[in-house]
N, C-alpha and C. Protein backbone atom coordinates (compact mmCIF):
# COMPACT_ATOMS: atom_id res chain seq x y z
N MET A 1 -2.70 14.39 -19.43
CA MET A 1 -2.79 14.56 -18.00
C MET A 1 -1.39 14.49 -17.40
N LYS A 2 -1.11 15.38 -16.45
CA LYS A 2 0.16 15.36 -15.73
C LYS A 2 -0.09 14.72 -14.36
N PHE A 3 0.81 13.83 -13.93
CA PHE A 3 0.60 13.07 -12.70
C PHE A 3 1.65 13.36 -11.64
N ILE A 4 1.21 13.23 -10.38
CA ILE A 4 2.10 13.28 -9.22
C ILE A 4 1.78 12.07 -8.36
N LEU A 5 2.81 11.36 -7.96
CA LEU A 5 2.66 10.30 -6.97
C LEU A 5 2.97 10.91 -5.62
N ALA A 6 1.98 10.92 -4.73
CA ALA A 6 2.13 11.55 -3.41
C ALA A 6 2.67 10.52 -2.40
N SER A 7 3.79 9.92 -2.75
CA SER A 7 4.36 8.86 -1.93
C SER A 7 5.86 8.79 -2.14
N LYS A 8 6.57 8.43 -1.09
CA LYS A 8 8.01 8.23 -1.24
C LYS A 8 8.35 6.75 -1.37
N SER A 9 7.33 5.90 -1.49
CA SER A 9 7.54 4.46 -1.59
C SER A 9 8.27 4.09 -2.89
N PRO A 10 9.45 3.51 -2.78
CA PRO A 10 10.15 3.09 -4.00
C PRO A 10 9.40 1.97 -4.72
N ARG A 11 8.64 1.18 -3.98
CA ARG A 11 7.87 0.09 -4.60
C ARG A 11 6.75 0.65 -5.47
N ARG A 12 6.03 1.66 -4.97
CA ARG A 12 4.96 2.27 -5.79
C ARG A 12 5.54 2.93 -7.03
N ARG A 13 6.66 3.59 -6.87
CA ARG A 13 7.31 4.24 -8.01
C ARG A 13 7.64 3.20 -9.09
N GLU A 14 8.23 2.09 -8.70
CA GLU A 14 8.62 1.06 -9.66
C GLU A 14 7.40 0.42 -10.33
N ILE A 15 6.35 0.18 -9.56
CA ILE A 15 5.14 -0.42 -10.13
C ILE A 15 4.51 0.53 -11.15
N LEU A 16 4.42 1.83 -10.82
CA LEU A 16 3.82 2.79 -11.77
C LEU A 16 4.64 2.90 -13.05
N LYS A 17 5.94 2.74 -12.95
CA LYS A 17 6.78 2.81 -14.15
C LYS A 17 6.46 1.70 -15.14
N THR A 18 5.91 0.59 -14.65
CA THR A 18 5.64 -0.55 -15.53
C THR A 18 4.57 -0.26 -16.58
N ILE A 19 3.75 0.79 -16.36
CA ILE A 19 2.74 1.14 -17.38
C ILE A 19 3.14 2.41 -18.15
N ASN A 20 4.41 2.77 -18.03
CA ASN A 20 4.95 3.93 -18.75
C ASN A 20 4.23 5.23 -18.43
N LEU A 21 3.78 5.38 -17.20
CA LEU A 21 3.13 6.61 -16.77
C LEU A 21 4.21 7.64 -16.44
N ASP A 22 4.07 8.83 -16.99
CA ASP A 22 5.00 9.91 -16.72
C ASP A 22 4.50 10.65 -15.48
N PHE A 23 5.30 10.67 -14.41
CA PHE A 23 4.84 11.29 -13.17
C PHE A 23 6.02 11.87 -12.38
N LYS A 24 5.68 12.85 -11.54
CA LYS A 24 6.61 13.42 -10.58
C LYS A 24 6.35 12.74 -9.24
N ILE A 25 7.32 12.81 -8.36
CA ILE A 25 7.13 12.29 -7.00
C ILE A 25 7.21 13.47 -6.04
N ILE A 26 6.11 13.70 -5.34
CA ILE A 26 6.07 14.73 -4.29
C ILE A 26 5.36 14.09 -3.09
N PRO A 27 6.13 13.57 -2.15
CA PRO A 27 5.51 12.89 -1.00
C PRO A 27 4.64 13.83 -0.17
N SER A 28 3.55 13.29 0.30
CA SER A 28 2.67 14.03 1.21
C SER A 28 3.38 14.22 2.54
N ALA A 29 3.08 15.31 3.20
CA ALA A 29 3.66 15.59 4.52
C ALA A 29 2.79 15.03 5.65
N LEU A 30 1.82 14.21 5.30
CA LEU A 30 0.89 13.65 6.29
C LEU A 30 1.64 12.83 7.34
N ASP A 31 1.38 13.12 8.60
CA ASP A 31 1.93 12.34 9.70
C ASP A 31 0.88 11.29 10.07
N GLU A 32 1.07 10.08 9.57
CA GLU A 32 0.09 9.01 9.76
C GLU A 32 -0.13 8.67 11.22
N SER A 33 0.88 8.88 12.05
CA SER A 33 0.75 8.54 13.47
C SER A 33 -0.27 9.44 14.18
N GLN A 34 -0.61 10.57 13.56
CA GLN A 34 -1.57 11.49 14.16
C GLN A 34 -3.02 11.19 13.75
N ILE A 35 -3.21 10.23 12.86
CA ILE A 35 -4.54 9.89 12.37
C ILE A 35 -5.11 8.77 13.22
N LEU A 36 -6.30 9.00 13.76
CA LEU A 36 -6.94 7.99 14.58
C LEU A 36 -7.31 6.77 13.74
N ILE A 37 -7.04 5.60 14.28
CA ILE A 37 -7.36 4.36 13.57
C ILE A 37 -8.85 4.10 13.68
N ASP A 38 -9.48 4.00 12.53
CA ASP A 38 -10.91 3.73 12.44
C ASP A 38 -11.18 2.27 12.77
N LYS A 39 -12.36 1.95 13.24
CA LYS A 39 -12.71 0.56 13.53
C LYS A 39 -12.76 -0.28 12.26
N SER A 40 -13.06 0.35 11.14
CA SER A 40 -13.08 -0.36 9.86
C SER A 40 -11.72 -0.19 9.18
N PRO A 41 -10.97 -1.28 9.00
CA PRO A 41 -9.66 -1.16 8.34
C PRO A 41 -9.74 -0.52 6.96
N LYS A 42 -10.78 -0.85 6.18
CA LYS A 42 -10.89 -0.27 4.83
C LYS A 42 -11.13 1.23 4.89
N LYS A 43 -11.98 1.67 5.81
CA LYS A 43 -12.23 3.12 5.95
C LYS A 43 -10.97 3.85 6.39
N TYR A 44 -10.23 3.26 7.32
CA TYR A 44 -8.99 3.86 7.80
C TYR A 44 -7.97 3.99 6.66
N CYS A 45 -7.80 2.92 5.90
CA CYS A 45 -6.85 2.92 4.79
C CYS A 45 -7.24 3.97 3.75
N LEU A 46 -8.54 4.03 3.42
CA LEU A 46 -9.01 5.01 2.45
C LEU A 46 -8.85 6.43 2.96
N LYS A 47 -9.08 6.64 4.25
CA LYS A 47 -8.89 7.96 4.84
C LYS A 47 -7.44 8.43 4.64
N LEU A 48 -6.47 7.55 4.88
CA LEU A 48 -5.06 7.92 4.71
C LEU A 48 -4.74 8.24 3.25
N ALA A 49 -5.24 7.42 2.33
CA ALA A 49 -4.99 7.67 0.90
C ALA A 49 -5.58 9.00 0.46
N LYS A 50 -6.81 9.30 0.92
CA LYS A 50 -7.46 10.57 0.56
C LYS A 50 -6.71 11.76 1.13
N LEU A 51 -6.28 11.66 2.38
CA LEU A 51 -5.55 12.78 2.99
C LEU A 51 -4.25 13.05 2.24
N LYS A 52 -3.58 12.01 1.81
CA LYS A 52 -2.33 12.18 1.05
C LYS A 52 -2.59 12.85 -0.30
N SER A 53 -3.60 12.38 -1.02
CA SER A 53 -3.87 12.97 -2.35
C SER A 53 -4.37 14.41 -2.23
N LYS A 54 -5.21 14.68 -1.22
CA LYS A 54 -5.72 16.05 -1.04
C LYS A 54 -4.61 17.02 -0.67
N ASP A 55 -3.68 16.55 0.18
CA ASP A 55 -2.57 17.40 0.61
C ASP A 55 -1.80 17.93 -0.59
N ILE A 56 -1.47 17.07 -1.52
CA ILE A 56 -0.69 17.48 -2.70
C ILE A 56 -1.59 18.17 -3.73
N SER A 57 -2.80 17.68 -3.91
CA SER A 57 -3.72 18.26 -4.89
C SER A 57 -4.07 19.72 -4.56
N ASN A 58 -4.12 20.05 -3.30
CA ASN A 58 -4.39 21.43 -2.89
C ASN A 58 -3.30 22.39 -3.34
N ARG A 59 -2.10 21.88 -3.59
CA ARG A 59 -0.98 22.72 -4.02
C ARG A 59 -0.71 22.63 -5.52
N TYR A 60 -1.17 21.56 -6.15
CA TYR A 60 -0.91 21.34 -7.58
C TYR A 60 -2.23 21.07 -8.28
N HIS A 61 -2.99 22.12 -8.52
CA HIS A 61 -4.35 22.02 -9.04
C HIS A 61 -4.45 21.38 -10.42
N ASN A 62 -3.44 21.56 -11.26
CA ASN A 62 -3.53 21.07 -12.63
C ASN A 62 -2.85 19.71 -12.83
N TYR A 63 -2.51 19.04 -11.73
CA TYR A 63 -1.93 17.70 -11.80
C TYR A 63 -2.94 16.68 -11.29
N THR A 64 -2.84 15.48 -11.80
CA THR A 64 -3.62 14.37 -11.26
C THR A 64 -2.75 13.70 -10.21
N VAL A 65 -3.20 13.78 -8.97
CA VAL A 65 -2.41 13.30 -7.83
C VAL A 65 -2.88 11.91 -7.42
N ILE A 66 -1.91 11.04 -7.22
CA ILE A 66 -2.18 9.66 -6.80
C ILE A 66 -1.71 9.49 -5.36
N GLY A 67 -2.67 9.28 -4.46
CA GLY A 67 -2.36 8.98 -3.07
C GLY A 67 -2.70 7.53 -2.80
N ALA A 68 -1.88 6.85 -2.02
CA ALA A 68 -2.15 5.44 -1.73
C ALA A 68 -1.68 5.09 -0.33
N ASP A 69 -2.32 4.09 0.23
CA ASP A 69 -1.89 3.56 1.51
C ASP A 69 -2.16 2.07 1.54
N THR A 70 -1.24 1.33 2.12
CA THR A 70 -1.37 -0.13 2.22
C THR A 70 -1.28 -0.53 3.69
N ILE A 71 -2.21 -1.38 4.10
CA ILE A 71 -2.18 -1.92 5.46
C ILE A 71 -2.35 -3.43 5.41
N VAL A 72 -1.91 -4.07 6.47
CA VAL A 72 -2.09 -5.51 6.63
C VAL A 72 -3.09 -5.69 7.77
N VAL A 73 -4.05 -6.59 7.56
CA VAL A 73 -5.11 -6.81 8.55
C VAL A 73 -5.24 -8.29 8.84
N ILE A 74 -5.27 -8.62 10.11
CA ILE A 74 -5.55 -10.00 10.51
C ILE A 74 -6.58 -9.95 11.64
N ARG A 75 -7.68 -10.63 11.41
CA ARG A 75 -8.79 -10.65 12.38
C ARG A 75 -9.17 -9.25 12.83
N ASP A 76 -9.36 -8.35 11.88
CA ASP A 76 -9.74 -6.95 12.12
C ASP A 76 -8.70 -6.13 12.87
N GLN A 77 -7.51 -6.68 13.08
CA GLN A 77 -6.41 -5.93 13.71
C GLN A 77 -5.51 -5.39 12.60
N ILE A 78 -5.28 -4.09 12.62
CA ILE A 78 -4.44 -3.44 11.61
C ILE A 78 -2.98 -3.54 12.04
N LEU A 79 -2.15 -4.03 11.11
CA LEU A 79 -0.71 -4.10 11.34
C LEU A 79 -0.05 -3.07 10.43
N ASN A 80 0.29 -1.94 10.99
CA ASN A 80 0.98 -0.90 10.23
C ASN A 80 2.48 -1.22 10.19
N LYS A 81 3.31 -0.24 10.00
CA LYS A 81 4.75 -0.45 10.00
C LYS A 81 5.22 -0.70 11.43
N PRO A 82 6.12 -1.67 11.63
CA PRO A 82 6.58 -1.97 12.99
C PRO A 82 7.43 -0.84 13.57
N LYS A 83 7.30 -0.66 14.87
CA LYS A 83 8.04 0.40 15.55
C LYS A 83 9.39 -0.06 16.09
N SER A 84 9.58 -1.39 16.17
CA SER A 84 10.80 -1.94 16.74
C SER A 84 10.98 -3.37 16.27
N LEU A 85 12.12 -3.95 16.61
CA LEU A 85 12.37 -5.34 16.29
C LEU A 85 11.33 -6.23 16.97
N GLN A 86 11.02 -5.96 18.21
CA GLN A 86 10.03 -6.76 18.95
C GLN A 86 8.65 -6.65 18.29
N ASP A 87 8.31 -5.46 17.83
CA ASP A 87 7.03 -5.26 17.16
C ASP A 87 6.98 -6.03 15.84
N ALA A 88 8.07 -6.02 15.09
CA ALA A 88 8.15 -6.77 13.84
C ALA A 88 8.02 -8.27 14.11
N LYS A 89 8.70 -8.75 15.13
CA LYS A 89 8.63 -10.17 15.51
C LYS A 89 7.20 -10.54 15.91
N ARG A 90 6.55 -9.68 16.67
CA ARG A 90 5.17 -9.93 17.10
C ARG A 90 4.25 -10.04 15.89
N MET A 91 4.41 -9.12 14.94
CA MET A 91 3.55 -9.13 13.75
C MET A 91 3.74 -10.39 12.93
N LEU A 92 4.98 -10.75 12.66
CA LEU A 92 5.23 -11.94 11.84
C LEU A 92 4.78 -13.21 12.56
N SER A 93 4.90 -13.25 13.87
CA SER A 93 4.40 -14.39 14.64
C SER A 93 2.88 -14.48 14.53
N LEU A 94 2.24 -13.33 14.52
CA LEU A 94 0.78 -13.27 14.40
C LEU A 94 0.32 -13.77 13.02
N LEU A 95 1.12 -13.50 11.98
CA LEU A 95 0.77 -13.91 10.62
C LEU A 95 1.09 -15.38 10.34
N SER A 96 1.98 -15.96 11.15
CA SER A 96 2.42 -17.34 10.96
C SER A 96 1.24 -18.31 10.94
N ASP A 97 1.19 -19.15 9.89
CA ASP A 97 0.21 -20.23 9.75
C ASP A 97 -1.23 -19.73 9.68
N LYS A 98 -1.41 -18.48 9.22
CA LYS A 98 -2.76 -17.89 9.14
C LYS A 98 -2.92 -17.13 7.82
N THR A 99 -4.17 -16.78 7.54
CA THR A 99 -4.49 -15.95 6.38
C THR A 99 -4.76 -14.53 6.85
N HIS A 100 -4.17 -13.58 6.15
CA HIS A 100 -4.42 -12.16 6.45
C HIS A 100 -4.78 -11.44 5.15
N GLN A 101 -5.22 -10.21 5.28
CA GLN A 101 -5.57 -9.40 4.12
C GLN A 101 -4.59 -8.23 4.00
N VAL A 102 -4.25 -7.94 2.76
CA VAL A 102 -3.48 -6.74 2.44
C VAL A 102 -4.46 -5.81 1.72
N ILE A 103 -4.67 -4.65 2.31
CA ILE A 103 -5.61 -3.68 1.77
C ILE A 103 -4.84 -2.46 1.28
N THR A 104 -5.06 -2.10 0.03
CA THR A 104 -4.49 -0.86 -0.50
C THR A 104 -5.64 0.02 -0.96
N ALA A 105 -5.63 1.25 -0.48
CA ALA A 105 -6.60 2.26 -0.93
C ALA A 105 -5.85 3.23 -1.83
N VAL A 106 -6.50 3.62 -2.92
CA VAL A 106 -5.92 4.57 -3.86
C VAL A 106 -6.91 5.72 -4.03
N SER A 107 -6.38 6.93 -3.94
CA SER A 107 -7.19 8.13 -4.10
C SER A 107 -6.56 8.99 -5.20
N ILE A 108 -7.35 9.27 -6.23
CA ILE A 108 -6.87 10.04 -7.38
C ILE A 108 -7.62 11.37 -7.41
N ARG A 109 -6.87 12.48 -7.43
CA ARG A 109 -7.48 13.81 -7.38
C ARG A 109 -6.87 14.73 -8.43
N ASN A 110 -7.74 15.52 -9.07
CA ASN A 110 -7.30 16.60 -9.95
C ASN A 110 -8.32 17.71 -9.80
N LYS A 111 -7.94 18.79 -9.14
CA LYS A 111 -8.88 19.89 -8.88
C LYS A 111 -9.35 20.54 -10.17
N GLU A 112 -8.43 20.76 -11.09
CA GLU A 112 -8.76 21.45 -12.34
C GLU A 112 -9.74 20.64 -13.19
N LEU A 113 -9.58 19.33 -13.23
CA LEU A 113 -10.45 18.46 -14.03
C LEU A 113 -11.59 17.87 -13.21
N ASN A 114 -11.66 18.25 -11.94
CA ASN A 114 -12.70 17.77 -11.02
C ASN A 114 -12.74 16.23 -10.94
N ILE A 115 -11.54 15.65 -10.83
CA ILE A 115 -11.45 14.19 -10.68
C ILE A 115 -11.33 13.86 -9.20
N LYS A 116 -12.23 13.00 -8.74
CA LYS A 116 -12.20 12.47 -7.37
C LYS A 116 -12.53 10.99 -7.49
N GLU A 117 -11.52 10.20 -7.56
CA GLU A 117 -11.69 8.76 -7.79
C GLU A 117 -10.99 8.00 -6.67
N ASP A 118 -11.72 7.13 -5.99
CA ASP A 118 -11.15 6.33 -4.91
C ASP A 118 -11.51 4.87 -5.12
N PHE A 119 -10.58 4.00 -4.79
CA PHE A 119 -10.91 2.57 -4.81
C PHE A 119 -10.04 1.83 -3.81
N ILE A 120 -10.50 0.63 -3.48
CA ILE A 120 -9.80 -0.22 -2.52
C ILE A 120 -9.61 -1.59 -3.16
N GLU A 121 -8.43 -2.15 -2.98
CA GLU A 121 -8.14 -3.51 -3.45
C GLU A 121 -7.73 -4.34 -2.24
N THR A 122 -8.28 -5.54 -2.14
CA THR A 122 -7.95 -6.44 -1.03
C THR A 122 -7.42 -7.75 -1.58
N THR A 123 -6.31 -8.20 -1.03
CA THR A 123 -5.70 -9.48 -1.42
C THR A 123 -5.51 -10.30 -0.16
N SER A 124 -5.87 -11.58 -0.23
CA SER A 124 -5.66 -12.48 0.91
C SER A 124 -4.34 -13.22 0.74
N VAL A 125 -3.59 -13.32 1.84
CA VAL A 125 -2.29 -13.98 1.83
C VAL A 125 -2.26 -14.98 2.99
N THR A 126 -1.88 -16.21 2.69
CA THR A 126 -1.74 -17.23 3.72
C THR A 126 -0.26 -17.56 3.88
N PHE A 127 0.22 -17.49 5.11
CA PHE A 127 1.61 -17.83 5.43
C PHE A 127 1.69 -19.29 5.91
N TYR A 128 2.83 -19.91 5.63
CA TYR A 128 3.16 -21.18 6.27
C TYR A 128 3.49 -20.89 7.74
N LYS A 129 3.65 -21.93 8.52
CA LYS A 129 4.06 -21.77 9.92
C LYS A 129 5.52 -21.34 9.93
N LEU A 130 5.81 -20.27 10.68
CA LEU A 130 7.16 -19.72 10.75
C LEU A 130 7.80 -20.04 12.10
N THR A 131 9.08 -20.34 12.08
CA THR A 131 9.80 -20.55 13.33
C THR A 131 10.34 -19.20 13.82
N ASP A 132 10.65 -19.13 15.09
CA ASP A 132 11.26 -17.90 15.63
C ASP A 132 12.57 -17.59 14.91
N HIS A 133 13.33 -18.64 14.59
CA HIS A 133 14.61 -18.45 13.90
C HIS A 133 14.38 -17.81 12.51
N GLU A 134 13.39 -18.33 11.77
CA GLU A 134 13.09 -17.76 10.44
C GLU A 134 12.68 -16.29 10.55
N ILE A 135 11.85 -15.99 11.53
CA ILE A 135 11.37 -14.62 11.72
C ILE A 135 12.53 -13.68 12.03
N LEU A 136 13.37 -14.07 12.99
CA LEU A 136 14.49 -13.21 13.39
C LEU A 136 15.50 -13.05 12.26
N LYS A 137 15.76 -14.14 11.52
CA LYS A 137 16.70 -14.06 10.39
C LYS A 137 16.15 -13.13 9.30
N TYR A 138 14.85 -13.24 9.04
CA TYR A 138 14.22 -12.38 8.04
C TYR A 138 14.34 -10.91 8.45
N ILE A 139 13.99 -10.60 9.69
CA ILE A 139 14.05 -9.22 10.18
C ILE A 139 15.47 -8.69 10.11
N ASP A 140 16.44 -9.51 10.53
CA ASP A 140 17.85 -9.09 10.53
C ASP A 140 18.35 -8.85 9.10
N THR A 141 17.93 -9.68 8.17
CA THR A 141 18.40 -9.57 6.78
C THR A 141 17.72 -8.45 6.01
N TYR A 142 16.38 -8.34 6.16
CA TYR A 142 15.62 -7.43 5.29
C TYR A 142 15.15 -6.14 5.96
N LYS A 143 15.28 -6.04 7.27
CA LYS A 143 14.91 -4.81 7.99
C LYS A 143 13.57 -4.25 7.51
N PRO A 144 12.47 -4.96 7.73
CA PRO A 144 11.17 -4.57 7.17
C PRO A 144 10.43 -3.49 7.96
N PHE A 145 11.15 -2.53 8.47
CA PHE A 145 10.55 -1.51 9.34
C PHE A 145 9.77 -0.44 8.59
N ASP A 146 9.88 -0.45 7.25
CA ASP A 146 9.10 0.51 6.45
C ASP A 146 7.96 -0.19 5.72
N LYS A 147 7.60 -1.39 6.19
CA LYS A 147 6.57 -2.17 5.50
C LYS A 147 5.44 -2.56 6.45
N ALA A 148 4.21 -2.34 5.99
CA ALA A 148 3.04 -2.75 6.76
C ALA A 148 3.10 -4.25 7.00
N GLY A 149 2.81 -4.67 8.23
CA GLY A 149 2.82 -6.09 8.55
C GLY A 149 4.20 -6.67 8.73
N SER A 150 5.23 -5.87 8.60
CA SER A 150 6.62 -6.27 8.79
C SER A 150 7.18 -7.20 7.72
N TYR A 151 6.60 -7.15 6.52
CA TYR A 151 7.19 -7.97 5.46
C TYR A 151 6.97 -7.33 4.10
N GLY A 152 7.86 -7.68 3.19
CA GLY A 152 7.74 -7.28 1.79
C GLY A 152 7.75 -8.53 0.94
N ILE A 153 6.65 -8.83 0.31
CA ILE A 153 6.53 -10.08 -0.45
C ILE A 153 7.55 -10.19 -1.57
N GLN A 154 8.07 -9.05 -2.03
CA GLN A 154 9.04 -9.06 -3.11
C GLN A 154 10.45 -9.40 -2.63
N ASP A 155 10.62 -9.53 -1.32
CA ASP A 155 11.95 -9.89 -0.81
C ASP A 155 11.90 -11.30 -0.22
N GLY A 156 12.74 -11.57 0.76
CA GLY A 156 12.88 -12.91 1.32
C GLY A 156 11.65 -13.49 1.99
N SER A 157 10.63 -12.69 2.24
CA SER A 157 9.42 -13.25 2.87
C SER A 157 8.59 -14.05 1.86
N ASN A 158 8.96 -14.00 0.59
CA ASN A 158 8.20 -14.76 -0.41
C ASN A 158 8.21 -16.26 -0.09
N LYS A 159 9.21 -16.73 0.63
CA LYS A 159 9.26 -18.16 0.99
C LYS A 159 8.27 -18.50 2.11
N PHE A 160 7.68 -17.49 2.75
CA PHE A 160 6.68 -17.73 3.80
C PHE A 160 5.28 -17.94 3.23
N VAL A 161 5.08 -17.57 1.96
CA VAL A 161 3.73 -17.49 1.39
C VAL A 161 3.26 -18.84 0.85
N LYS A 162 2.18 -19.30 1.43
CA LYS A 162 1.56 -20.56 1.03
C LYS A 162 0.56 -20.33 -0.11
N LYS A 163 -0.19 -19.21 -0.02
CA LYS A 163 -1.24 -18.96 -1.01
C LYS A 163 -1.55 -17.47 -1.09
N ILE A 164 -1.84 -17.02 -2.31
CA ILE A 164 -2.28 -15.65 -2.56
C ILE A 164 -3.61 -15.71 -3.31
N THR A 165 -4.59 -14.94 -2.85
CA THR A 165 -5.85 -14.81 -3.57
C THR A 165 -6.03 -13.33 -3.87
N GLY A 166 -5.82 -12.96 -5.14
CA GLY A 166 -5.94 -11.56 -5.52
C GLY A 166 -4.67 -11.06 -6.20
N SER A 167 -4.49 -9.76 -6.18
CA SER A 167 -3.41 -9.09 -6.89
C SER A 167 -2.08 -9.13 -6.13
N TYR A 168 -1.05 -9.68 -6.79
CA TYR A 168 0.30 -9.68 -6.23
C TYR A 168 0.80 -8.25 -6.02
N HIS A 169 0.60 -7.38 -7.04
CA HIS A 169 1.10 -6.01 -6.94
C HIS A 169 0.43 -5.23 -5.80
N ASN A 170 -0.78 -5.61 -5.45
CA ASN A 170 -1.44 -4.99 -4.31
C ASN A 170 -0.66 -5.27 -3.03
N ILE A 171 -0.13 -6.48 -2.91
CA ILE A 171 0.65 -6.84 -1.72
C ILE A 171 1.94 -6.02 -1.68
N VAL A 172 2.54 -5.81 -2.84
CA VAL A 172 3.77 -5.02 -2.92
C VAL A 172 3.49 -3.56 -2.54
N GLY A 173 2.26 -3.07 -2.85
CA GLY A 173 1.94 -1.71 -2.44
C GLY A 173 1.13 -0.87 -3.40
N PHE A 174 0.80 -1.44 -4.59
CA PHE A 174 -0.02 -0.65 -5.50
C PHE A 174 -0.73 -1.57 -6.49
N PRO A 175 -2.08 -1.55 -6.51
CA PRO A 175 -2.85 -2.41 -7.41
C PRO A 175 -2.87 -1.84 -8.83
N ILE A 176 -1.80 -2.07 -9.55
CA ILE A 176 -1.58 -1.42 -10.84
C ILE A 176 -2.62 -1.80 -11.89
N ALA A 177 -3.06 -3.04 -11.93
CA ALA A 177 -4.03 -3.44 -12.95
C ALA A 177 -5.35 -2.70 -12.79
N LYS A 178 -5.84 -2.60 -11.56
CA LYS A 178 -7.10 -1.90 -11.32
C LYS A 178 -6.95 -0.40 -11.63
N PHE A 179 -5.83 0.18 -11.23
CA PHE A 179 -5.53 1.59 -11.51
C PHE A 179 -5.54 1.83 -13.03
N TYR A 180 -4.84 0.97 -13.75
CA TYR A 180 -4.76 1.09 -15.21
C TYR A 180 -6.15 1.00 -15.84
N GLN A 181 -6.95 0.03 -15.40
CA GLN A 181 -8.28 -0.16 -15.97
C GLN A 181 -9.18 1.05 -15.72
N ILE A 182 -9.10 1.64 -14.54
CA ILE A 182 -9.90 2.83 -14.23
C ILE A 182 -9.49 3.99 -15.14
N LEU A 183 -8.19 4.23 -15.27
CA LEU A 183 -7.73 5.34 -16.13
C LEU A 183 -8.08 5.08 -17.60
N LYS A 184 -7.98 3.85 -18.03
CA LYS A 184 -8.28 3.51 -19.42
C LYS A 184 -9.79 3.61 -19.70
N ASN A 185 -10.60 3.01 -18.87
CA ASN A 185 -12.04 2.92 -19.14
C ASN A 185 -12.82 4.17 -18.77
N LYS A 186 -12.40 4.87 -17.73
CA LYS A 186 -13.15 6.03 -17.28
C LYS A 186 -12.62 7.35 -17.87
N TYR A 187 -11.30 7.39 -18.11
CA TYR A 187 -10.70 8.65 -18.56
C TYR A 187 -10.00 8.53 -19.91
N ASN A 188 -10.18 7.40 -20.58
CA ASN A 188 -9.64 7.16 -21.93
C ASN A 188 -8.13 7.36 -22.05
N LEU A 189 -7.41 7.06 -21.01
CA LEU A 189 -5.96 7.12 -21.08
C LEU A 189 -5.41 5.79 -21.58
N PHE A 190 -4.22 5.81 -22.08
CA PHE A 190 -3.49 4.61 -22.53
C PHE A 190 -4.07 4.00 -23.80
N LEU A 191 -5.02 4.63 -24.45
CA LEU A 191 -5.62 4.01 -25.65
C LEU A 191 -4.82 4.33 -26.89
């Protein structure tokens, strides 16, 4: 099987490399800001992942296309990528001393092989109480403007994390273990 990752995320690229998957990177042209936010965070996340995989799959019929989207949710409020420093500060303040969910939806498509596989992984993350100084220093140092919820667990925000329930790689942006298991068990890859 030939693979395409329909994402420009360097984190997804690095995670996929850990299972020695040979793939091309062709980012989807989907403008996420034009997609209406669904009342269900999981449905919204899955809709974005499907649109990304379909966009590339329609042009590359003989490739298995991997589309993914990650969102942060707290009390049914979706925290996408921050639009400004104030937005990033607001998001991190909202996450302070609370538990939130990181949801990643993955959509796998191959028109030629008639593969349509979708799944969602949810991980709960609890933050310690954050001070305004910690939040502003983190934003200034790591510039988390390309990350859902305004943080990347693989960088300096790891010191904010009190507890994780679920997949660490899901928080980074791609639930690699579940992806691997699906390809191995359903499509006999990696054997």
